[in-house]
């Protein structure tokens, strides 16, 4: 349920109005002439390629060593 604020009330309580929009999804503000505006939080869209990292405590040199060992094992099978 969205609460409708008057323009004057919205100006005076902007911080709490924004918090309520975040909590409830939207807040409506009615101007004196009757027009109503909706304030909503912006939806953050992450890239589908965004991946959370995992700290494995592995050095770059160790990674290079693993790759070389894997290549060596593959070459021996071929």
C-alpha atoms as a PDB file:
ATOM      1  CA  UNK A   1       0.000   0.000   0.000  1.00  0.00           C
ATOM      2  CA  UNK A   2       1.493   3.311  -0.984  1.00  0.00           C
ATOM      3  CA  UNK A   3       0.846   6.436   1.041  1.00  0.00           C
ATOM      4  CA  UNK A   4       0.096   9.643  -0.840  1.00  0.00           C
ATOM      5  CA  UNK A   5       2.036  12.655   0.432  1.00  0.00           C
ATOM      6  CA  UNK A   6       1.266  16.248  -0.363  1.00  0.00           C
ATOM      7  CA  UNK A   7       4.032  18.120  -2.161  1.00  0.00           C
ATOM      8  CA  UNK A   8       4.741  20.286   0.895  1.00  0.00           C
ATOM      9  CA  UNK A   9       4.826  17.314   3.236  1.00  0.00           C
ATOM     10  CA  UNK A  10       7.122  15.407   0.845  1.00  0.00           C
ATOM     11  CA  UNK A  11       9.563  18.331   0.785  1.00  0.00           C
ATOM     12  CA  UNK A  12       9.667  18.484   4.578  1.00  0.00           C
ATOM     13  CA  UNK A  13      10.080  14.717   5.043  1.00  0.00           C
ATOM     14  CA  UNK A  14      12.160  13.789   1.999  1.00  0.00           C
ATOM     15  CA  UNK A  15      14.576  11.472   3.829  1.00  0.00           C
ATOM     16  CA  UNK A  16      11.802   9.434   5.451  1.00  0.00           C
ATOM     17  CA  UNK A  17       9.827   9.470   2.191  1.00  0.00           C
ATOM     18  CA  UNK A  18      12.799   7.919   0.352  1.00  0.00           C
ATOM     19  CA  UNK A  19      13.223   5.303   3.092  1.00  0.00           C
ATOM     20  CA  UNK A  20       9.553   4.408   2.815  1.00  0.00           C
ATOM     21  CA  UNK A  21       9.865   4.119  -0.983  1.00  0.00           C
ATOM     22  CA  UNK A  22      12.758   1.726  -0.455  1.00  0.00           C
ATOM     23  CA  UNK A  23      10.778  -0.299   2.071  1.00  0.00           C
ATOM     24  CA  UNK A  24       7.383  -0.313   0.299  1.00  0.00           C
ATOM     25  CA  UNK A  25       8.477  -0.119  -3.335  1.00  0.00           C
ATOM     26  CA  UNK A  26       6.967   3.270  -4.115  1.00  0.00           C
ATOM     27  CA  UNK A  27       5.579   6.476  -2.646  1.00  0.00           C
ATOM     28  CA  UNK A  28       3.105   8.859  -4.286  1.00  0.00           C
ATOM     29  CA  UNK A  29       3.261  12.648  -4.125  1.00  0.00           C
ATOM     30  CA  UNK A  30       0.198  14.734  -5.028  1.00  0.00           C
ATOM     31  CA  UNK A  31       0.611  18.307  -6.170  1.00  0.00           C
ATOM     32  CA  UNK A  32      -1.890  21.015  -5.395  1.00  0.00           C
ATOM     33  CA  UNK A  33      -3.255  20.831  -8.965  1.00  0.00           C
ATOM     34  CA  UNK A  34      -4.095  17.131  -8.439  1.00  0.00           C
ATOM     35  CA  UNK A  35      -1.294  15.554 -10.469  1.00  0.00           C
ATOM     36  CA  UNK A  36       0.246  12.533  -8.767  1.00  0.00           C
ATOM     37  CA  UNK A  37       3.871  11.428  -9.127  1.00  0.00           C
ATOM     38  CA  UNK A  38       5.361   8.100  -8.074  1.00  0.00           C
ATOM     39  CA  UNK A  39       8.786   7.881  -6.450  1.00  0.00           C
ATOM     40  CA  UNK A  40      10.417   4.448  -6.674  1.00  0.00           C
ATOM     41  CA  UNK A  41      13.886   3.187  -5.884  1.00  0.00           C
ATOM     42  CA  UNK A  42      15.975   2.504  -8.974  1.00  0.00           C
ATOM     43  CA  UNK A  43      16.396  -1.170  -9.727  1.00  0.00           C
ATOM     44  CA  UNK A  44      20.056  -2.108  -9.884  1.00  0.00           C
ATOM     45  CA  UNK A  45      20.753  -4.455 -12.760  1.00  0.00           C
ATOM     46  CA  UNK A  46      23.975  -6.419 -12.564  1.00  0.00           C
ATOM     47  CA  UNK A  47      25.696  -7.831 -15.582  1.00  0.00           C
ATOM     48  CA  UNK A  48      25.036 -11.531 -16.120  1.00  0.00           C
ATOM     49  CA  UNK A  49      28.828 -11.866 -16.155  1.00  0.00           C
ATOM     50  CA  UNK A  50      29.187 -10.515 -12.614  1.00  0.00           C
ATOM     51  CA  UNK A  51      30.584 -13.313 -10.476  1.00  0.00           C
ATOM     52  CA  UNK A  52      31.395 -13.165  -6.798  1.00  0.00           C
ATOM     53  CA  UNK A  53      35.029 -13.958  -6.115  1.00  0.00           C
ATOM     54  CA  UNK A  54      36.364 -16.588  -3.756  1.00  0.00           C
ATOM     55  CA  UNK A  55      39.632 -16.086  -1.905  1.00  0.00           C
ATOM     56  CA  UNK A  56      41.511 -19.371  -2.330  1.00  0.00           C
ATOM     57  CA  UNK A  57      44.813 -17.993  -1.058  1.00  0.00           C
ATOM     58  CA  UNK A  58      46.577 -19.124  -4.255  1.00  0.00           C
ATOM     59  CA  UNK A  59      49.377 -17.095  -5.799  1.00  0.00           C
ATOM     60  CA  UNK A  60      49.729 -16.289  -9.477  1.00  0.00           C
ATOM     61  CA  UNK A  61      52.811 -18.479  -9.630  1.00  0.00           C
ATOM     62  CA  UNK A  62      50.853 -21.443  -8.239  1.00  0.00           C
ATOM     63  CA  UNK A  63      48.106 -20.935 -10.842  1.00  0.00           C
ATOM     64  CA  UNK A  64      50.695 -20.909 -13.631  1.00  0.00           C
ATOM     65  CA  UNK A  65      52.191 -24.101 -12.201  1.00  0.00           C
ATOM     66  CA  UNK A  66      48.742 -25.817 -12.153  1.00  0.00           C
ATOM     67  CA  UNK A  67      48.101 -24.844 -15.761  1.00  0.00           C
ATOM     68  CA  UNK A  68      51.504 -26.144 -16.878  1.00  0.00           C
ATOM     69  CA  UNK A  69      50.962 -29.443 -15.043  1.00  0.00           C
ATOM     70  CA  UNK A  70      47.550 -29.798 -16.687  1.00  0.00           C
ATOM     71  CA  UNK A  71      49.002 -29.156 -20.135  1.00  0.00           C
ATOM     72  CA  UNK A  72      51.828 -31.599 -19.495  1.00  0.00           C
ATOM     73  CA  UNK A  73      49.329 -34.310 -18.452  1.00  0.00           C
ATOM     74  CA  UNK A  74      47.225 -33.614 -21.574  1.00  0.00           C
ATOM     75  CA  UNK A  75      50.285 -33.788 -23.865  1.00  0.00           C
ATOM     76  CA  UNK A  76      51.355 -37.131 -22.349  1.00  0.00           C
ATOM     77  CA  UNK A  77      47.926 -38.662 -23.096  1.00  0.00           C
ATOM     78  CA  UNK A  78      47.928 -37.508 -26.734  1.00  0.00           C
END
